[in-house]
Amino acid sequence: MNDIKKTVTFDIPEIYRLSHTVDDKSLKYFDEETNIFNPISIKDGDKFRADYKKDAEQQDIEDGVLDYVHTKTQEKMEMIVHAKFDTYKDYKVKCNFTKQDTIKDKPKTNFAGKTIKE
């Protein structure tokens, strides 16, 4: 919070995809030993799943999903600050989304936003 600039700033961890789902019914494995036309192995199926996850995340970026979530988060934070705190109605609200490399790097927090020590 900066009373001179009349701003409230929130540092928020970057949005990330919680899960990926592949419809297992859409995948068909054939007998890899007798498939002479297009030999495929189980490792190929694993590679397909990994590539699918990467493609899905890239598609989210291209479709503007992350931008949409950033915008909605910004709007909600402004709404909360301006509605709950009369003192800060004139303040500008800013959200900084910080990139973190892995889920394990993300601090564990409770519902109140307090960091949980392990």
N, C-alpha and C. Protein backbone atom coordinates (compact mmCIF):
# COMPACT_ATOMS: atom_id res chain seq x y z
N MET A 1 0.84 -1.15 0.00
CA MET A 1 0.00 0.00 0.00
C MET A 1 0.90 1.23 0.00
N ASN A 2 0.55 2.18 -0.86
CA ASN A 2 1.32 3.40 -0.94
C ASN A 2 0.34 4.58 -0.81
N ASP A 3 0.38 5.23 0.35
CA ASP A 3 -0.54 6.33 0.61
C ASP A 3 -0.20 7.57 -0.21
N ILE A 4 1.06 7.74 -0.56
CA ILE A 4 1.46 8.90 -1.35
C ILE A 4 0.93 8.78 -2.79
N LYS A 5 1.13 7.61 -3.40
CA LYS A 5 0.65 7.39 -4.77
C LYS A 5 -0.81 6.92 -4.81
N LYS A 6 -1.37 6.66 -3.65
CA LYS A 6 -2.74 6.16 -3.52
C LYS A 6 -2.94 4.88 -4.35
N THR A 7 -2.10 3.90 -4.04
CA THR A 7 -2.20 2.60 -4.71
C THR A 7 -2.17 1.47 -3.70
N VAL A 8 -2.85 0.41 -4.03
CA VAL A 8 -2.80 -0.83 -3.26
C VAL A 8 -2.30 -1.88 -4.24
N THR A 9 -1.21 -2.56 -3.91
CA THR A 9 -0.61 -3.53 -4.81
C THR A 9 -0.64 -4.92 -4.18
N PHE A 10 -1.07 -5.88 -4.97
CA PHE A 10 -1.10 -7.28 -4.54
C PHE A 10 -0.11 -8.08 -5.37
N ASP A 11 0.72 -8.88 -4.70
CA ASP A 11 1.60 -9.82 -5.40
C ASP A 11 0.90 -11.17 -5.37
N ILE A 12 0.54 -11.65 -6.55
CA ILE A 12 -0.24 -12.88 -6.69
C ILE A 12 0.57 -13.87 -7.51
N PRO A 13 0.65 -15.13 -7.05
CA PRO A 13 1.37 -16.13 -7.87
C PRO A 13 0.71 -16.27 -9.24
N GLU A 14 1.54 -16.45 -10.25
CA GLU A 14 1.04 -16.60 -11.61
C GLU A 14 0.05 -17.75 -11.69
N ILE A 15 -0.95 -17.56 -12.52
CA ILE A 15 -1.96 -18.59 -12.72
C ILE A 15 -1.34 -19.77 -13.45
N TYR A 16 -1.71 -20.97 -13.06
CA TYR A 16 -1.21 -22.15 -13.75
C TYR A 16 -2.31 -23.19 -13.80
N ARG A 17 -2.19 -24.07 -14.74
CA ARG A 17 -3.19 -25.13 -14.95
C ARG A 17 -3.02 -26.18 -13.86
N LEU A 18 -4.12 -26.49 -13.18
CA LEU A 18 -4.07 -27.47 -12.10
C LEU A 18 -4.04 -28.90 -12.61
N SER A 19 -4.70 -29.15 -13.72
CA SER A 19 -4.73 -30.53 -14.20
C SER A 19 -4.90 -30.57 -15.72
N HIS A 20 -4.60 -31.71 -16.27
CA HIS A 20 -4.78 -31.99 -17.68
C HIS A 20 -5.55 -33.30 -17.78
N THR A 21 -6.45 -33.36 -18.71
CA THR A 21 -7.22 -34.58 -18.86
C THR A 21 -7.18 -35.04 -20.31
N VAL A 22 -6.82 -36.29 -20.48
CA VAL A 22 -6.86 -36.91 -21.80
C VAL A 22 -7.96 -37.96 -21.74
N ASP A 23 -8.83 -37.94 -22.72
CA ASP A 23 -9.90 -38.94 -22.78
C ASP A 23 -9.27 -40.28 -23.14
N ASP A 24 -9.13 -41.15 -22.14
CA ASP A 24 -8.48 -42.44 -22.37
C ASP A 24 -9.22 -43.29 -23.40
N LYS A 25 -10.52 -43.07 -23.56
CA LYS A 25 -11.28 -43.82 -24.55
C LYS A 25 -10.87 -43.45 -25.98
N SER A 26 -10.29 -42.26 -26.13
CA SER A 26 -9.89 -41.84 -27.47
C SER A 26 -8.53 -42.42 -27.87
N LEU A 27 -7.79 -42.98 -26.91
CA LEU A 27 -6.49 -43.59 -27.21
C LEU A 27 -6.65 -45.09 -27.42
N LYS A 28 -6.07 -45.58 -28.51
CA LYS A 28 -6.13 -47.01 -28.78
C LYS A 28 -4.72 -47.51 -29.04
N TYR A 29 -4.36 -48.53 -28.32
CA TYR A 29 -3.06 -49.17 -28.52
C TYR A 29 -3.28 -50.50 -29.22
N PHE A 30 -2.48 -50.71 -30.23
CA PHE A 30 -2.54 -51.97 -30.94
C PHE A 30 -1.35 -52.81 -30.54
N ASP A 31 -1.39 -54.04 -30.86
CA ASP A 31 -0.29 -54.95 -30.52
C ASP A 31 0.99 -54.42 -31.19
N GLU A 32 1.90 -53.92 -30.39
CA GLU A 32 3.08 -53.27 -30.95
C GLU A 32 4.04 -54.25 -31.61
N GLU A 33 3.98 -55.50 -31.25
CA GLU A 33 4.89 -56.47 -31.86
C GLU A 33 4.45 -56.87 -33.26
N THR A 34 3.15 -56.85 -33.53
CA THR A 34 2.68 -57.32 -34.84
C THR A 34 2.28 -56.16 -35.76
N ASN A 35 2.45 -54.94 -35.31
CA ASN A 35 2.07 -53.80 -36.12
C ASN A 35 3.22 -53.47 -37.07
N ILE A 36 3.15 -53.97 -38.32
CA ILE A 36 4.26 -53.78 -39.26
C ILE A 36 4.15 -52.45 -40.01
N PHE A 37 2.95 -51.86 -40.08
CA PHE A 37 2.77 -50.64 -40.86
C PHE A 37 3.20 -49.39 -40.11
N ASN A 38 2.93 -49.36 -38.85
CA ASN A 38 3.25 -48.18 -38.06
C ASN A 38 3.63 -48.62 -36.66
N PRO A 39 4.85 -49.12 -36.49
CA PRO A 39 5.23 -49.62 -35.17
C PRO A 39 5.17 -48.50 -34.12
N ILE A 40 4.53 -48.81 -33.03
CA ILE A 40 4.36 -47.84 -31.95
C ILE A 40 4.58 -48.56 -30.62
N SER A 41 5.12 -47.83 -29.68
CA SER A 41 5.39 -48.45 -28.38
C SER A 41 4.61 -47.69 -27.30
N ILE A 42 4.61 -48.25 -26.12
CA ILE A 42 3.97 -47.59 -24.98
C ILE A 42 4.66 -46.26 -24.71
N LYS A 43 5.96 -46.20 -24.93
CA LYS A 43 6.69 -44.94 -24.74
C LYS A 43 6.15 -43.85 -25.67
N ASP A 44 5.72 -44.25 -26.88
CA ASP A 44 5.13 -43.28 -27.80
C ASP A 44 3.84 -42.71 -27.21
N GLY A 45 3.06 -43.55 -26.56
CA GLY A 45 1.83 -43.09 -25.92
C GLY A 45 2.12 -42.12 -24.79
N ASP A 46 3.16 -42.40 -24.02
CA ASP A 46 3.55 -41.50 -22.93
C ASP A 46 4.01 -40.15 -23.49
N LYS A 47 4.75 -40.20 -24.60
CA LYS A 47 5.20 -38.96 -25.23
C LYS A 47 3.99 -38.17 -25.74
N PHE A 48 3.00 -38.87 -26.29
CA PHE A 48 1.79 -38.19 -26.76
C PHE A 48 1.12 -37.43 -25.62
N ARG A 49 1.00 -38.07 -24.47
CA ARG A 49 0.36 -37.42 -23.32
C ARG A 49 1.12 -36.18 -22.88
N ALA A 50 2.45 -36.28 -22.83
CA ALA A 50 3.26 -35.13 -22.43
C ALA A 50 3.11 -33.99 -23.45
N ASP A 51 3.15 -34.34 -24.73
CA ASP A 51 2.98 -33.33 -25.78
C ASP A 51 1.59 -32.70 -25.71
N TYR A 52 0.58 -33.50 -25.40
CA TYR A 52 -0.79 -33.00 -25.30
C TYR A 52 -0.89 -31.95 -24.20
N LYS A 53 -0.26 -32.21 -23.06
CA LYS A 53 -0.29 -31.26 -21.94
C LYS A 53 0.34 -29.93 -22.35
N LYS A 54 1.49 -30.03 -23.01
CA LYS A 54 2.19 -28.82 -23.43
C LYS A 54 1.34 -28.05 -24.45
N ASP A 55 0.74 -28.78 -25.39
CA ASP A 55 -0.11 -28.14 -26.41
C ASP A 55 -1.34 -27.48 -25.77
N ALA A 56 -1.93 -28.13 -24.76
CA ALA A 56 -3.11 -27.57 -24.10
C ALA A 56 -2.76 -26.27 -23.39
N GLU A 57 -1.60 -26.21 -22.75
CA GLU A 57 -1.17 -25.00 -22.06
C GLU A 57 -0.91 -23.88 -23.06
N GLN A 58 -0.29 -24.22 -24.19
CA GLN A 58 -0.03 -23.22 -25.23
C GLN A 58 -1.34 -22.72 -25.83
N GLN A 59 -2.30 -23.61 -25.99
CA GLN A 59 -3.60 -23.23 -26.53
C GLN A 59 -4.32 -22.26 -25.59
N ASP A 60 -4.19 -22.48 -24.29
CA ASP A 60 -4.77 -21.55 -23.31
C ASP A 60 -4.22 -20.14 -23.50
N ILE A 61 -2.91 -20.06 -23.72
CA ILE A 61 -2.27 -18.76 -23.93
C ILE A 61 -2.79 -18.12 -25.21
N GLU A 62 -2.81 -18.88 -26.29
CA GLU A 62 -3.27 -18.36 -27.58
C GLU A 62 -4.74 -17.95 -27.55
N ASP A 63 -5.55 -18.69 -26.80
CA ASP A 63 -6.98 -18.39 -26.72
C ASP A 63 -7.29 -17.24 -25.76
N GLY A 64 -6.26 -16.76 -25.05
CA GLY A 64 -6.46 -15.64 -24.14
C GLY A 64 -7.02 -16.02 -22.78
N VAL A 65 -6.96 -17.30 -22.44
CA VAL A 65 -7.50 -17.74 -21.15
C VAL A 65 -6.75 -17.08 -19.99
N LEU A 66 -5.44 -17.05 -20.07
CA LEU A 66 -4.66 -16.47 -18.98
C LEU A 66 -4.91 -14.96 -18.87
N ASP A 67 -5.01 -14.29 -20.01
CA ASP A 67 -5.31 -12.85 -19.98
C ASP A 67 -6.68 -12.60 -19.36
N TYR A 68 -7.64 -13.44 -19.70
CA TYR A 68 -8.98 -13.32 -19.14
C TYR A 68 -8.95 -13.48 -17.62
N VAL A 69 -8.22 -14.48 -17.14
CA VAL A 69 -8.14 -14.73 -15.69
C VAL A 69 -7.43 -13.57 -15.00
N HIS A 70 -6.38 -13.03 -15.61
CA HIS A 70 -5.70 -11.87 -15.04
C HIS A 70 -6.66 -10.69 -14.92
N THR A 71 -7.41 -10.43 -15.98
CA THR A 71 -8.36 -9.31 -15.98
C THR A 71 -9.43 -9.49 -14.91
N LYS A 72 -10.00 -10.69 -14.82
CA LYS A 72 -11.04 -10.95 -13.82
C LYS A 72 -10.48 -10.85 -12.40
N THR A 73 -9.26 -11.32 -12.19
CA THR A 73 -8.63 -11.22 -10.87
C THR A 73 -8.46 -9.76 -10.49
N GLN A 74 -7.96 -8.96 -11.44
CA GLN A 74 -7.78 -7.53 -11.21
C GLN A 74 -9.12 -6.88 -10.84
N GLU A 75 -10.17 -7.18 -11.60
CA GLU A 75 -11.50 -6.61 -11.34
C GLU A 75 -12.01 -6.99 -9.95
N LYS A 76 -11.84 -8.25 -9.58
CA LYS A 76 -12.33 -8.72 -8.27
C LYS A 76 -11.56 -8.07 -7.13
N MET A 77 -10.25 -7.93 -7.29
CA MET A 77 -9.46 -7.31 -6.23
C MET A 77 -9.85 -5.84 -6.07
N GLU A 78 -10.09 -5.14 -7.18
CA GLU A 78 -10.55 -3.76 -7.11
C GLU A 78 -11.90 -3.68 -6.39
N MET A 79 -12.79 -4.58 -6.75
CA MET A 79 -14.12 -4.60 -6.16
C MET A 79 -14.03 -4.82 -4.64
N ILE A 80 -13.20 -5.75 -4.22
CA ILE A 80 -13.05 -6.06 -2.79
C ILE A 80 -12.49 -4.85 -2.04
N VAL A 81 -11.41 -4.29 -2.55
CA VAL A 81 -10.77 -3.16 -1.86
C VAL A 81 -11.72 -1.97 -1.78
N HIS A 82 -12.37 -1.64 -2.87
CA HIS A 82 -13.24 -0.46 -2.89
C HIS A 82 -14.53 -0.68 -2.11
N ALA A 83 -15.04 -1.91 -2.07
CA ALA A 83 -16.28 -2.17 -1.36
C ALA A 83 -16.08 -2.33 0.15
N LYS A 84 -14.97 -2.93 0.53
CA LYS A 84 -14.74 -3.26 1.94
C LYS A 84 -14.07 -2.14 2.74
N PHE A 85 -13.30 -1.32 2.06
CA PHE A 85 -12.50 -0.34 2.77
C PHE A 85 -12.80 1.06 2.24
N ASP A 86 -13.65 1.80 2.95
CA ASP A 86 -14.02 3.16 2.52
C ASP A 86 -12.81 4.06 2.39
N THR A 87 -11.81 3.85 3.23
CA THR A 87 -10.61 4.68 3.21
C THR A 87 -9.89 4.61 1.87
N TYR A 88 -10.01 3.49 1.15
CA TYR A 88 -9.24 3.27 -0.06
C TYR A 88 -10.07 3.39 -1.35
N LYS A 89 -11.23 4.02 -1.29
CA LYS A 89 -12.08 4.15 -2.48
C LYS A 89 -11.40 4.91 -3.61
N ASP A 90 -10.51 5.84 -3.27
CA ASP A 90 -9.81 6.64 -4.28
C ASP A 90 -8.50 5.99 -4.73
N TYR A 91 -8.16 4.87 -4.15
CA TYR A 91 -6.89 4.23 -4.45
C TYR A 91 -6.99 3.37 -5.71
N LYS A 92 -5.88 3.32 -6.44
CA LYS A 92 -5.79 2.44 -7.59
C LYS A 92 -5.31 1.07 -7.10
N VAL A 93 -5.92 0.02 -7.62
CA VAL A 93 -5.54 -1.34 -7.22
C VAL A 93 -4.75 -1.97 -8.35
N LYS A 94 -3.63 -2.58 -7.99
CA LYS A 94 -2.77 -3.21 -9.00
C LYS A 94 -2.43 -4.63 -8.56
N CYS A 95 -2.47 -5.56 -9.50
CA CYS A 95 -2.09 -6.95 -9.22
C CYS A 95 -0.81 -7.28 -9.99
N ASN A 96 0.20 -7.73 -9.28
CA ASN A 96 1.44 -8.22 -9.90
C ASN A 96 1.41 -9.74 -9.88
N PHE A 97 1.43 -10.35 -11.04
CA PHE A 97 1.45 -11.81 -11.13
C PHE A 97 2.89 -12.25 -11.27
N THR A 98 3.36 -13.04 -10.28
CA THR A 98 4.76 -13.45 -10.27
C THR A 98 4.88 -14.90 -10.73
N LYS A 99 5.80 -15.12 -11.65
CA LYS A 99 6.01 -16.45 -12.21
C LYS A 99 6.79 -17.30 -11.22
N GLN A 100 6.35 -18.55 -11.06
CA GLN A 100 7.07 -19.52 -10.24
C GLN A 100 7.24 -20.76 -11.10
N ASP A 101 8.41 -21.37 -11.02
CA ASP A 101 8.76 -22.44 -11.95
C ASP A 101 8.00 -23.74 -11.74
N THR A 102 7.78 -24.13 -10.51
CA THR A 102 7.12 -25.41 -10.28
C THR A 102 6.12 -25.29 -9.16
N ILE A 103 5.24 -26.25 -9.08
CA ILE A 103 4.24 -26.26 -8.02
C ILE A 103 4.92 -26.34 -6.66
N LYS A 104 6.01 -27.09 -6.58
CA LYS A 104 6.68 -27.22 -5.28
C LYS A 104 7.27 -25.89 -4.81
N ASP A 105 7.53 -24.96 -5.74
CA ASP A 105 8.05 -23.65 -5.37
C ASP A 105 6.97 -22.72 -4.82
N LYS A 106 5.71 -23.06 -5.06
CA LYS A 106 4.61 -22.22 -4.61
C LYS A 106 4.43 -22.38 -3.11
N PRO A 107 4.41 -21.29 -2.38
CA PRO A 107 4.22 -21.41 -0.93
C PRO A 107 2.84 -21.93 -0.61
N LYS A 108 2.75 -22.78 0.38
CA LYS A 108 1.46 -23.30 0.82
C LYS A 108 0.82 -22.27 1.73
N THR A 109 -0.43 -21.94 1.45
CA THR A 109 -1.12 -20.95 2.25
C THR A 109 -2.47 -21.48 2.70
N ASN A 110 -2.98 -20.90 3.77
CA ASN A 110 -4.33 -21.26 4.21
C ASN A 110 -5.32 -20.31 3.54
N PHE A 111 -6.60 -20.43 3.88
CA PHE A 111 -7.62 -19.62 3.21
C PHE A 111 -7.47 -18.13 3.50
N ALA A 112 -6.81 -17.79 4.57
CA ALA A 112 -6.60 -16.38 4.91
C ALA A 112 -5.36 -15.82 4.22
N GLY A 113 -4.71 -16.65 3.44
CA GLY A 113 -3.52 -16.19 2.72
C GLY A 113 -2.24 -16.23 3.52
N LYS A 114 -2.29 -16.78 4.72
CA LYS A 114 -1.10 -16.89 5.56
C LYS A 114 -0.28 -18.10 5.13
N THR A 115 1.03 -17.91 5.03
CA THR A 115 1.93 -19.00 4.64
C THR A 115 1.96 -20.06 5.73
N ILE A 116 1.84 -21.31 5.31
CA ILE A 116 1.87 -22.43 6.24
C ILE A 116 3.30 -22.95 6.31
N LYS A 117 3.84 -23.02 7.51
CA LYS A 117 5.19 -23.55 7.70
C LYS A 117 5.10 -25.05 7.86
N GLU A 118 5.99 -25.75 7.18
CA GLU A 118 5.97 -27.23 7.25
C GLU A 118 6.91 -27.73 8.32
